Protein backbone atom coordinates (compact mmCIF):
# COMPACT_ATOMS: atom_id res chain seq x y z
CA MET A 1 -1.50 1.36 19.10
CA ARG A 2 -2.04 2.73 22.98
CA THR A 3 -1.76 0.28 25.60
CA LEU A 4 -2.90 0.47 29.11
CA SER A 5 0.48 0.65 30.55
CA THR A 6 1.90 3.28 28.23
CA PRO A 7 1.99 6.68 29.82
CA VAL A 8 0.17 9.33 27.82
CA SER A 9 1.26 13.10 28.05
CA LEU A 10 -1.26 15.91 28.98
CA GLU A 11 0.03 17.46 25.19
CA GLU A 12 -1.44 14.13 23.69
CA VAL A 13 -4.66 14.25 25.81
CA ASN A 14 -5.45 17.70 24.82
CA GLU A 15 -4.59 17.45 21.21
CA PRO A 16 -7.57 17.46 18.78
CA ASP A 17 -8.55 14.81 16.55
CA TRP A 18 -8.32 17.13 13.55
CA PRO A 19 -5.80 20.07 13.18
CA ARG A 20 -7.16 23.32 13.65
CA SER A 21 -4.76 25.11 11.24
CA TRP A 22 -5.52 25.79 7.56
CA ARG A 23 -1.89 24.66 6.76
CA ALA A 24 -2.56 21.01 7.40
CA TYR A 25 -5.49 20.89 4.94
CA ALA A 26 -3.59 22.85 2.54
CA CYS A 27 -0.53 20.38 3.00
CA LEU A 28 -3.15 17.36 2.54
CA LEU A 29 -4.06 18.62 -0.91
CA GLY A 30 -0.50 18.99 -1.65
CA CYS A 31 0.42 15.48 -0.78
CA PHE A 32 -2.50 14.58 -2.75
CA PHE A 33 -1.01 16.00 -5.62
CA LEU A 34 2.61 14.28 -5.03
CA MET A 35 0.74 10.98 -5.15
CA PHE A 36 -1.03 12.15 -8.43
CA ASN A 37 2.30 12.91 -9.98
CA SER A 38 4.15 9.62 -8.62
CA TRP A 39 2.15 6.40 -8.99
CA GLY A 40 -0.63 8.21 -10.89
CA LEU A 41 1.69 9.00 -13.86
CA VAL A 42 2.90 5.33 -13.41
CA ASN A 43 -1.00 4.56 -13.80
CA ALA A 44 -1.04 6.41 -17.17
CA TYR A 45 1.68 4.97 -18.69
CA GLY A 46 -0.53 2.80 -20.68
CA THR A 47 -1.68 5.32 -22.61
CA TRP A 48 1.80 6.27 -23.87
CA SER A 49 2.51 2.63 -24.32
CA SER A 50 -0.56 2.16 -26.47
CA TYR A 51 0.39 5.12 -28.77
CA TYR A 52 4.32 3.86 -28.82
CA VAL A 53 3.37 0.55 -30.14
CA GLY A 54 1.28 1.58 -32.87
CA HIS A 55 3.35 4.62 -33.83
CA SER A 56 6.83 5.97 -32.91
CA LEU A 57 7.91 2.70 -31.15
CA ARG A 58 5.99 0.00 -33.27
CA GLY A 59 9.05 -2.10 -33.81
CA VAL A 60 10.32 -2.47 -30.51
CA ASP A 61 9.42 -5.58 -28.40
CA GLN A 62 6.89 -5.50 -25.62
CA LEU A 63 9.28 -6.03 -23.00
CA GLU A 64 11.62 -3.15 -23.89
CA LEU A 65 8.16 -1.16 -24.07
CA ASN A 66 7.28 -2.40 -20.33
CA LEU A 67 10.94 -1.61 -19.36
CA ILE A 68 9.70 2.13 -19.47
CA GLY A 69 7.17 1.86 -16.79
CA SER A 70 9.30 -0.95 -14.98
CA THR A 71 11.82 1.63 -14.64
CA GLN A 72 9.58 4.26 -13.19
CA SER A 73 8.20 1.80 -10.73
CA PHE A 74 11.70 0.50 -9.52
CA LEU A 75 13.03 4.15 -9.18
CA VAL A 76 10.04 5.18 -7.10
CA LEU A 77 10.81 2.12 -4.77
CA LEU A 78 14.18 2.14 -4.78
CA PHE A 79 14.87 5.73 -3.55
CA SER A 80 11.96 5.36 -0.79
CA ASN A 81 14.61 4.88 1.67
CA PRO A 82 16.95 7.71 1.11
CA VAL A 83 14.06 9.97 0.74
CA GLY A 84 12.57 8.61 3.84
CA ARG A 85 15.76 9.33 5.65
CA LEU A 86 16.07 12.72 4.36
CA LEU A 87 12.41 13.54 5.30
CA ASP A 88 13.12 12.42 8.79
CA ALA A 89 16.12 14.66 9.08
CA GLY A 90 13.98 17.64 8.05
CA TYR A 91 14.87 18.10 4.19
CA ALA A 92 11.40 17.96 3.13
CA ARG A 93 11.64 21.01 1.02
CA THR A 94 14.79 19.78 -0.74
CA VAL A 95 13.19 16.55 -1.60
CA ILE A 96 10.05 17.81 -2.84
CA GLY A 97 11.98 20.71 -4.78
CA CYS A 98 13.83 18.06 -6.39
CA GLY A 99 10.85 16.17 -7.96
CA THR A 100 9.22 19.44 -8.77
CA PHE A 101 12.19 20.04 -11.21
CA LEU A 102 12.64 16.63 -12.40
CA VAL A 103 9.05 15.32 -13.53
CA PRO A 104 8.07 18.14 -15.46
CA PHE A 105 11.38 18.59 -17.13
CA GLY A 106 11.52 15.01 -18.20
CA LEU A 107 8.03 15.32 -19.62
CA PHE A 108 9.00 18.40 -21.78
CA ILE A 109 12.20 16.79 -22.88
CA LEU A 110 10.12 14.09 -24.16
CA SER A 111 8.14 16.29 -26.05
CA VAL A 112 11.13 17.39 -27.83
CA VAL A 113 13.32 14.20 -28.42
CA HIS A 114 10.00 12.35 -29.81
CA PRO A 115 9.59 12.83 -33.63
CA SER A 116 6.63 15.21 -34.64
CA ASP A 117 5.74 13.05 -37.65
CA ILE A 118 3.12 10.53 -36.73
CA ALA A 119 4.52 8.15 -39.40
CA ALA A 120 8.32 8.59 -38.22
CA VAL A 121 9.99 5.80 -35.92
CA SER A 122 11.72 6.76 -33.07
CA SER A 123 14.73 5.52 -31.34
CA PHE A 124 14.09 3.80 -27.78
CA GLY A 125 16.88 5.06 -26.00
CA PRO A 126 15.78 8.91 -25.67
CA ILE A 127 12.38 8.18 -24.73
CA TRP A 128 13.60 5.45 -22.14
CA ALA A 129 16.04 8.03 -20.77
CA THR A 130 13.65 11.06 -20.42
CA GLN A 131 10.19 9.23 -19.44
CA GLY A 132 11.88 6.18 -17.48
CA LEU A 133 14.66 7.60 -15.96
CA VAL A 134 14.29 11.17 -15.52
CA VAL A 135 10.69 11.10 -14.68
CA GLY A 136 11.21 8.05 -12.60
CA LEU A 137 13.69 9.82 -10.40
CA GLY A 138 11.51 12.90 -9.75
CA MET A 139 8.57 10.42 -8.94
CA GLY A 140 10.75 8.71 -6.44
CA THR A 141 11.15 11.86 -4.41
CA PHE A 142 7.38 12.10 -4.31
CA PHE A 143 6.05 8.88 -3.22
CA VAL A 144 7.35 8.65 0.57
CA SER A 145 7.10 12.28 0.89
CA SER A 146 3.06 12.22 0.01
CA SER A 147 2.43 9.98 2.91
CA GLN A 148 5.19 10.86 5.47
CA VAL A 149 4.48 14.76 5.29
CA ALA A 150 0.67 14.18 5.66
CA SER A 151 1.15 12.02 8.70
CA THR A 152 2.94 14.69 10.84
CA TRP A 153 -0.12 17.09 10.55
CA PHE A 154 -2.50 14.04 11.44
CA PRO A 155 -1.24 12.10 14.33
CA LYS A 156 -4.87 10.85 15.30
CA ARG A 157 -6.02 10.34 12.03
CA ARG A 158 -2.77 8.96 10.20
CA GLY A 159 -4.68 6.20 8.50
CA LEU A 160 -7.39 8.41 7.19
CA ALA A 161 -4.80 11.15 5.90
CA VAL A 162 -2.99 8.54 4.29
CA GLY A 163 -6.10 7.22 2.54
CA TYR A 164 -7.18 10.71 1.08
CA VAL A 165 -3.47 10.93 -0.15
CA ALA A 166 -3.32 7.65 -1.67
CA CYS A 167 -6.43 8.47 -3.47
CA GLY A 168 -4.31 10.73 -5.54
CA ALA A 169 -2.99 7.50 -7.66
CA SER A 170 -6.42 6.29 -8.80
CA VAL A 171 -7.84 9.91 -9.59
CA ALA A 172 -4.58 10.42 -11.62
CA GLY A 173 -5.25 7.18 -13.26
CA VAL A 174 -8.23 8.46 -14.85
CA VAL A 175 -7.52 12.22 -15.29
CA TYR A 176 -3.97 11.86 -17.36
CA PRO A 177 -5.10 9.25 -19.63
CA PHE A 178 -8.47 10.98 -20.60
CA MET A 179 -6.44 14.00 -21.00
CA LEU A 180 -3.61 12.47 -23.02
CA ARG A 181 -5.70 10.60 -25.21
CA SER A 182 -7.99 13.53 -26.02
CA LEU A 183 -4.95 15.81 -26.84
CA ILE A 184 -3.37 13.31 -29.07
CA GLU A 185 -6.31 12.99 -31.17
CA ALA A 186 -6.81 17.13 -31.27
CA LEU A 187 -3.14 18.41 -31.09
CA GLY A 188 -0.86 15.44 -31.81
CA PHE A 189 1.50 13.63 -29.44
CA ASN A 190 4.22 16.08 -28.63
CA ASN A 191 1.52 18.97 -27.84
CA ALA A 192 -0.45 16.74 -25.64
CA VAL A 193 2.57 15.84 -23.53
CA ARG A 194 3.53 19.61 -23.11
CA CYS A 195 0.01 20.23 -21.84
CA VAL A 196 0.19 17.20 -19.63
CA ALA A 197 3.68 18.81 -18.52
CA GLY A 198 2.08 21.92 -17.85
CA LEU A 199 -0.82 20.25 -15.79
CA THR A 200 2.11 18.26 -13.72
CA SER A 201 4.28 21.80 -13.35
CA LEU A 202 1.09 23.34 -11.57
CA THR A 203 0.37 20.41 -9.32
CA CYS A 204 3.98 20.06 -8.31
CA ILE A 205 4.69 23.83 -7.73
CA TYR A 206 1.57 23.81 -5.32
CA SER A 207 3.03 20.81 -3.79
CA PHE A 208 6.38 22.74 -3.41
CA ILE A 209 4.76 25.67 -1.78
CA PHE A 210 2.55 23.81 0.85
CA CYS A 211 3.79 20.47 1.51
CA THR A 212 5.65 21.30 4.60
CA PRO A 213 5.68 18.89 7.72
CA ASP A 214 4.24 20.15 11.08
CA PRO A 215 6.49 22.66 12.91
CA ALA A 216 5.75 20.55 16.05
CA HIS A 217 7.08 17.58 14.24
CA ASP A 218 10.68 16.10 15.56
CA HIS A 219 13.39 15.66 13.25
CA HIS A 220 16.26 13.38 13.59
CA GLU A 221 19.14 14.76 12.23
CA PRO A 222 22.00 12.14 11.93
CA LYS A 223 25.53 12.68 13.36
CA ARG A 224 27.18 11.22 10.24
CA TRP A 225 25.94 10.93 6.95
CA ARG A 226 28.27 8.69 5.33
CA ALA A 227 27.63 6.10 8.33
CA LEU A 228 25.74 3.23 7.17
CA ARG A 229 23.45 3.44 10.04
CA THR A 230 22.31 6.82 9.06
CA TRP A 231 20.63 5.11 5.77
CA PHE A 232 19.87 1.80 7.33
CA ASP A 233 18.29 1.65 10.68
CA THR A 234 19.74 -1.90 12.20
CA GLU A 235 17.00 -1.59 14.84
CA ALA A 236 14.59 -2.58 12.21
CA PHE A 237 16.40 -5.53 11.21
CA HIS A 238 16.10 -6.71 14.78
CA ASN A 239 12.11 -6.05 14.87
CA LYS A 240 10.49 -9.24 13.62
CA ALA A 241 7.23 -7.28 12.79
CA TRP A 242 8.81 -5.09 10.52
CA CYS A 243 11.03 -7.86 9.01
CA TRP A 244 7.45 -10.05 8.27
CA PHE A 245 5.78 -6.96 7.17
CA THR A 246 8.61 -5.97 4.83
CA ALA A 247 8.34 -9.69 3.30
CA ALA A 248 4.48 -9.14 2.72
CA ILE A 249 4.76 -5.90 1.00
CA ALA A 250 7.70 -7.40 -1.39
CA PHE A 251 5.30 -10.41 -2.26
CA MET A 252 2.55 -8.04 -2.73
CA PHE A 253 4.51 -6.06 -5.37
CA PHE A 254 5.41 -9.44 -6.66
CA GLY A 255 1.73 -10.35 -7.40
CA PHE A 256 0.36 -6.80 -8.10
CA TYR A 257 2.50 -5.66 -11.21
CA PRO A 258 3.02 -8.88 -13.45
CA ILE A 259 0.50 -8.34 -15.81
CA PHE A 260 0.25 -4.62 -16.55
CA PHE A 261 4.12 -4.98 -17.33
CA ASN A 262 4.18 -8.07 -19.40
CA LEU A 263 1.07 -8.89 -21.27
CA GLU A 264 1.58 -8.71 -25.18
CA GLU A 265 -0.03 -5.98 -26.62
CA VAL A 266 -1.06 -4.58 -23.32
CA SER A 267 -3.13 -1.43 -23.35
CA THR A 268 -4.31 -0.36 -19.63
CA PRO A 269 -3.80 3.46 -19.51
CA TYR A 270 -7.10 3.94 -17.08
CA LEU A 271 -6.32 1.21 -14.47
CA ASP A 272 -5.35 2.23 -10.87
CA LEU A 273 -1.62 0.68 -10.44
CA ALA A 274 -2.82 -1.31 -7.59
CA LEU A 275 -5.50 -3.00 -9.82
CA GLN A 276 -3.26 -3.08 -13.20
CA PRO A 277 -1.77 -6.45 -12.61
CA LEU A 278 -5.13 -8.13 -12.39
CA ILE A 279 -7.38 -6.96 -15.12
CA ASN A 280 -6.72 -5.08 -18.82
CA HIS A 281 -7.79 -4.67 -22.14
CA GLN A 282 -6.60 -7.59 -23.79
CA TRP A 283 -7.81 -10.18 -21.09
CA ALA A 284 -11.27 -8.51 -21.54
CA SER A 285 -11.12 -8.65 -25.12
CA VAL A 286 -9.92 -12.07 -25.73
CA ARG A 287 -12.41 -13.69 -22.87
CA GLY A 288 -15.30 -11.84 -25.14
CA PHE A 289 -16.01 -9.22 -22.16
CA GLY A 290 -15.55 -6.10 -24.07
CA ILE A 291 -13.81 -4.36 -27.13
CA ARG A 292 -10.59 -2.29 -27.17
CA ASP A 293 -9.54 0.56 -29.39
CA ARG A 294 -5.84 -0.21 -31.11
CA THR A 295 -4.23 1.29 -33.77
CA SER A 296 -2.10 -1.47 -35.27
CA ALA A 297 -3.98 -4.83 -34.40
CA SER A 298 -7.12 -5.98 -33.72
CA ALA A 299 -8.47 -8.45 -31.06
CA THR A 300 -9.60 -11.94 -31.34
CA SER A 301 -12.50 -12.82 -28.94
CA MET A 302 -14.12 -15.96 -28.00
CA ASN A 303 -17.71 -16.06 -27.29
CA VAL A 304 -18.13 -12.14 -28.39
CA ASN A 305 -21.03 -10.66 -26.84
CA ASP A 306 -23.84 -9.09 -29.28
CA ARG A 307 -22.94 -5.65 -27.54
CA PRO A 308 -19.71 -5.87 -25.71
CA LEU A 309 -18.53 -3.43 -23.13
CA GLU A 310 -15.64 -1.38 -24.14
CA THR A 311 -13.26 -2.39 -21.92
CA PHE A 312 -12.17 1.25 -20.61
CA TRP A 313 -15.49 1.12 -18.57
CA LEU A 314 -14.25 -1.93 -16.79
CA LEU A 315 -11.13 -0.23 -15.96
CA ALA A 316 -12.81 3.02 -15.16
CA MET A 317 -15.20 1.16 -12.83
CA MET A 318 -12.24 -0.50 -10.84
CA ASN A 319 -10.57 2.88 -10.63
CA GLY A 320 -13.81 4.50 -9.18
CA ALA A 321 -14.24 1.36 -6.82
CA SER A 322 -10.55 2.09 -5.62
CA THR A 323 -11.15 5.70 -4.96
CA PHE A 324 -14.18 4.98 -2.91
CA GLY A 325 -12.35 1.80 -1.16
CA ARG A 326 -9.40 4.08 -0.23
CA LEU A 327 -11.76 6.50 1.58
CA LEU A 328 -14.42 4.34 3.20
CA LEU A 329 -11.71 1.65 4.62
CA ALA A 330 -9.29 4.55 5.65
CA HIS A 331 -12.19 5.57 8.13
CA PHE A 332 -12.23 2.27 9.75
CA SER A 333 -8.43 1.84 9.92
CA ASP A 334 -7.94 4.31 12.70
CA LYS A 335 -10.72 2.61 14.71
CA ILE A 336 -9.63 -1.02 14.08
CA GLY A 337 -6.04 -0.57 13.72
CA ALA A 338 -4.20 0.24 10.19
CA LEU A 339 -2.33 -3.08 10.16
CA ASN A 340 -5.69 -5.11 11.00
CA MET A 341 -7.33 -3.42 8.27
CA HIS A 342 -4.31 -4.22 6.02
CA ILE A 343 -4.61 -7.81 7.05
CA GLY A 344 -8.49 -8.05 6.28
CA SER A 345 -8.21 -6.25 3.03
CA GLN A 346 -5.14 -8.34 2.07
CA PHE A 347 -7.00 -11.67 2.39
CA VAL A 348 -10.04 -10.72 0.50
CA ALA A 349 -7.86 -9.12 -2.13
CA SER A 350 -6.08 -12.76 -2.59
CA LEU A 351 -9.31 -14.57 -2.47
CA LEU A 352 -11.03 -12.51 -5.16
CA THR A 353 -7.83 -12.86 -7.36
CA LEU A 354 -7.81 -16.51 -6.89
CA ILE A 355 -11.33 -17.17 -7.31
CA LEU A 356 -13.52 -14.39 -8.79
CA TRP A 357 -11.08 -13.53 -11.26
CA SER A 358 -10.25 -16.83 -12.41
CA LEU A 359 -13.75 -18.15 -12.70
CA ALA A 360 -14.87 -14.93 -14.39
CA GLY A 361 -16.92 -16.53 -17.39
CA SER A 362 -19.23 -13.37 -18.19
CA GLU A 363 -19.40 -9.71 -18.40
CA ASN A 364 -21.20 -9.66 -15.35
CA ASP A 365 -18.71 -11.48 -13.14
CA ALA A 366 -16.02 -9.23 -14.74
CA ILE A 367 -18.18 -6.07 -13.66
CA ALA A 368 -18.42 -7.73 -10.12
CA PHE A 369 -15.11 -8.60 -9.95
CA CYS A 370 -13.80 -5.04 -11.09
CA VAL A 371 -16.00 -3.38 -8.42
CA VAL A 372 -15.67 -5.43 -5.52
CA PHE A 373 -11.86 -5.97 -6.09
CA GLY A 374 -11.52 -2.43 -6.64
CA VAL A 375 -12.81 -1.46 -2.95
CA PHE A 376 -10.52 -3.82 -1.17
CA SER A 377 -7.21 -3.19 -3.37
CA GLY A 378 -7.34 0.54 -2.91
CA MET A 379 -6.62 -0.04 0.70
CA VAL A 380 -3.90 -2.78 0.08
CA ILE A 381 -1.86 -0.42 -1.85
CA GLY A 382 -2.41 2.65 0.25
CA LEU A 383 -2.08 1.25 3.79
CA PRO A 384 1.75 0.00 4.01
CA PRO A 385 2.59 3.86 5.24
CA ALA A 386 -0.11 3.78 7.90
CA SER A 387 0.68 0.23 8.97
CA ILE A 388 4.56 0.82 9.57
CA GLY A 389 3.38 3.69 11.73
CA HIS A 390 1.24 1.32 13.60
CA ILE A 391 4.45 -1.11 14.07
CA LEU A 392 6.52 1.60 15.16
CA ASN A 393 3.78 2.87 17.81
CA CYS A 394 3.63 -0.75 19.24
CA THR A 395 7.51 -0.80 19.36
CA TYR A 396 8.49 2.47 21.12
CA MET A 397 5.64 2.67 23.65
CA THR A 398 7.29 3.81 26.95
CA ALA A 399 7.58 7.65 27.61
CA ASP A 400 11.57 7.73 27.02
CA THR A 401 11.21 6.02 23.50
CA LYS A 402 7.69 7.17 22.35
CA HIS A 403 9.12 10.00 20.52
CA LEU A 404 11.16 7.61 18.24
CA ALA A 405 8.00 6.37 16.54
CA LYS A 406 7.38 9.81 15.07
CA LYS A 407 11.25 10.25 14.08
CA LYS A 408 11.81 6.92 12.28
CA LEU A 409 8.31 6.70 10.44
CA GLY A 410 9.94 7.97 7.16
CA HIS A 411 12.97 6.11 7.49
CA TRP A 412 11.45 2.76 8.25
CA THR A 413 8.84 3.28 5.44
CA GLY A 414 11.47 3.98 3.28
CA MET A 415 13.60 1.08 3.77
CA MET A 416 10.39 -1.10 3.36
CA TYR A 417 9.64 0.13 -0.10
CA THR A 418 13.36 -0.13 -1.08
CA PHE A 419 13.45 -3.92 -0.62
CA ALA A 420 10.02 -4.17 -2.53
CA ALA A 421 12.01 -2.79 -5.48
CA ILE A 422 13.55 -5.71 -6.83
CA PRO A 423 10.20 -7.81 -6.71
CA ALA A 424 8.63 -4.78 -8.50
CA LEU A 425 10.98 -4.90 -11.31
CA THR A 426 11.47 -8.56 -11.66
CA GLY A 427 7.71 -9.75 -11.16
CA PRO A 428 6.73 -8.47 -14.59
CA VAL A 429 9.64 -10.50 -16.09
CA ILE A 430 8.34 -13.99 -14.40
CA ALA A 431 4.53 -13.17 -15.44
CA GLY A 432 5.81 -12.27 -19.07
CA HIS A 433 7.48 -15.49 -19.37
CA LEU A 434 4.51 -17.54 -17.93
CA ILE A 435 1.93 -16.21 -20.55
CA THR A 436 4.59 -16.40 -23.51
CA GLN A 437 5.45 -20.27 -22.11
CA TYR A 438 1.76 -21.30 -21.53
CA ASN A 439 -0.36 -19.12 -23.55
CA THR A 440 -2.92 -18.77 -21.16
CA TYR A 441 -4.28 -16.31 -18.57
CA ILE A 442 -4.58 -18.75 -15.62
CA THR A 443 -1.17 -18.77 -15.05
CA VAL A 444 -0.84 -15.18 -14.05
CA GLN A 445 -4.20 -15.23 -12.20
CA MET A 446 -2.95 -17.93 -10.02
CA TRP A 447 0.71 -16.38 -9.70
CA SER A 448 -0.86 -13.04 -8.80
CA GLY A 449 -3.50 -14.73 -6.29
CA THR A 450 -0.65 -16.87 -4.64
CA ASN A 451 1.82 -13.91 -4.17
CA LEU A 452 -1.15 -11.99 -2.31
CA MET A 453 -2.00 -14.96 -0.32
CA LEU A 454 1.59 -15.14 0.75
CA SER A 455 1.42 -11.47 1.29
CA PHE A 456 -1.48 -12.30 3.65
CA ALA A 457 0.55 -14.80 5.71
CA CYS A 458 3.43 -12.53 6.31
CA MET A 459 1.39 -9.93 7.64
CA LEU A 460 -0.37 -12.49 9.99
CA VAL A 461 3.24 -13.38 11.52
CA ALA A 462 4.03 -9.80 11.53
CA ARG A 463 0.61 -8.96 13.64
CA TRP A 464 1.91 -12.12 15.95
CA TYR A 465 4.71 -10.31 17.19
CA LEU A 466 2.84 -7.04 18.04
CA PRO A 467 0.95 -6.31 21.30
CA CYS A 468 -2.82 -6.19 21.57
CA THR A 469 -4.73 -3.33 22.98
CA ASN A 470 -4.26 -4.56 26.79
CA GLY A 471 -0.62 -4.43 26.25
CA ARG A 472 -0.13 -8.15 26.09
CA ASN A 473 1.50 -9.84 23.29
CA ALA A 474 -0.59 -11.92 20.90
CA PRO A 475 0.73 -15.22 21.98
CA SER A 476 0.25 -14.48 25.87
CA GLU A 477 -3.23 -13.13 25.11
CA ILE A 478 -4.36 -16.29 23.22
CA ALA A 479 -2.89 -18.52 26.00
CA ARG A 480 -4.84 -16.60 28.37
CA ILE A 481 -7.91 -16.76 26.56
CA VAL A 482 -7.48 -20.39 26.17
CA ARG A 483 -6.59 -21.16 30.20
CA ARG A 484 -9.67 -18.84 30.83
CA GLN A 485 -11.85 -21.13 28.90
CA LYS A 486 -10.34 -24.64 30.36
CA GLU A 487 -10.67 -23.14 33.98
CA PRO A 488 -14.25 -23.88 34.35
CA LEU A 489 -13.60 -27.58 33.00
CA THR A 490 -11.10 -28.23 35.54
CA GLU A 491 -12.75 -26.77 38.43
CA LYS A 492 -15.89 -29.08 37.51
CA GLY A 493 -13.41 -31.87 37.01
CA LYS A 494 -11.97 -31.66 40.59
CA GLY A 495 -15.18 -33.17 42.43
CA GLY A 496 -15.49 -31.42 45.66
CA THR A 497 -12.85 -29.17 46.15
CA GLU A 498 -14.95 -26.11 44.61
CA THR A 499 -16.53 -23.96 47.49
CA GLY A 500 -19.84 -23.35 45.35
CA SER A 501 -20.50 -27.06 45.00
CA PRO A 502 -22.63 -29.23 47.22
CA GLU A 503 -19.98 -31.12 48.25
CA ALA A 504 -17.57 -28.41 49.17
CA LEU A 505 -20.77 -26.92 51.34
CA SER A 506 -21.10 -30.12 53.19
CA GLN A 507 -17.51 -30.26 54.26
CA ALA A 508 -17.33 -26.43 55.31
CA PRO A 509 -17.42 -26.17 59.14
CA THR A 510 -20.51 -25.45 60.63
CA ARG A 511 -19.42 -24.72 64.68
CA VAL A 512 -18.57 -21.30 65.76
CA PRO A 513 -14.89 -21.26 66.91
CA SER A 514 -14.45 -21.57 70.58
CA ASN A 515 -11.48 -20.15 72.88
CA VAL A 516 -12.02 -23.40 75.20
CA PRO A 517 -9.19 -25.70 74.84
CA SER A 518 -9.81 -28.77 73.24
CA ARG A 519 -9.75 -32.09 75.04
CA GLN A 520 -6.50 -33.31 73.37
CA VAL A 521 -4.89 -30.00 74.39
CA SER A 522 -5.69 -30.04 77.89
CA THR A 523 -4.83 -34.14 78.15
CA ASP A 524 -1.38 -32.76 76.62
CA ARG A 525 -0.93 -30.24 79.38
CA ILE A 526 -1.63 -32.73 82.25
CA VAL A 527 1.08 -34.98 80.89
């Protein structure tokens, strides 16, 4: 946020809104692929899970199956802090190179350890180690890199650039499941995984070549790598806005992931990660809004429609709306402010979860929820890096400290996501217990909606500690507005002291000042 009192350099004034170098847009596409192969693969895990539960891991408990996807999301968030710090130090090529090797390697090894016989039962350990651990470690290097590297090329369009990059997750949530599901029927599971690994390899190699930060971007090399402050910036803990926003992201991950990872017999291969906690095949099937294709079990429906809509289309609608929302709202985030847009989107998403989703009683209601919520949830899950950049710009505003806002972007963003790793891992466990204990979806609907509302409240508190566009902080600005509204009432209540009133005019002097001494003065002189 730029303030009136902040000095602006001539270089920043002359900086174009859009980069003129082709490398910036090649890098933007590469960052799109980084998100495509990080959260996008987590989105597609439901396809693997639905295959496992009916074939190779059909005797494994659902919570163990969810552990594979939970491990991936946990590692992606856990390694956000060290990855962000390495990016700030200038090791983007090394970090992305590690993920370029680990993600395709883990998928290729998965196709080897998995039995080729469709009727064979596999062991849970090798599948978890390859798909959950190895692939998850690789995806952990991609997530923060995607937004951080793109932001260096688009300083004046950071929110828009991050919005484009975030679309990689929702697009992959459609591409990978379609690809895997079709190839399993045509080639078998192992060959289908190899084809997915091949596509992942091509996109990762492109990202490794073109995802390099802007050469003009300043890097912050630490003096000692073993120092605790190198990995945890203590200044962030003294920043109240950052602390409250980190709490908001923790509540957001608490409420967004539970249903996807803990519903019994869940199969949500096409749902965007930001949307998976809120709707799934089983919910739509049980409520009678659609049908699902399962290998080992059939769904029992209440109030089944004559021609129920296949639940995949509900998820596809939500994914498409999510992509549209990321692009549309990203354009407004640079004008309104990333954090302001984040607060508004979070509030709408929480209301939709608490009201529209819980009260959905027909197929049309379900479709309306998928479309409307998809628009806002895409921005909710995609804006945190841009919001952290907004907080940094408001924190380091002087000419001497302004450069720190860019240097610490990756570090502060990584720390924020690292603290959200535990909620992302434990949230599904709590939601799974609620479903098992009460055997109803209203518990998870209220759980997700309440956490999203708490996230909105924490974002409001974070915004309270940030300055407005005129340089004043929020409390003083509100006090100034209230004082201005009270002044006319106070002036009218003085009853004769206001110069514009008739009483004040009647008491004004009407004679022209004279140089002749008054009578009282002359009397004093005589005495």
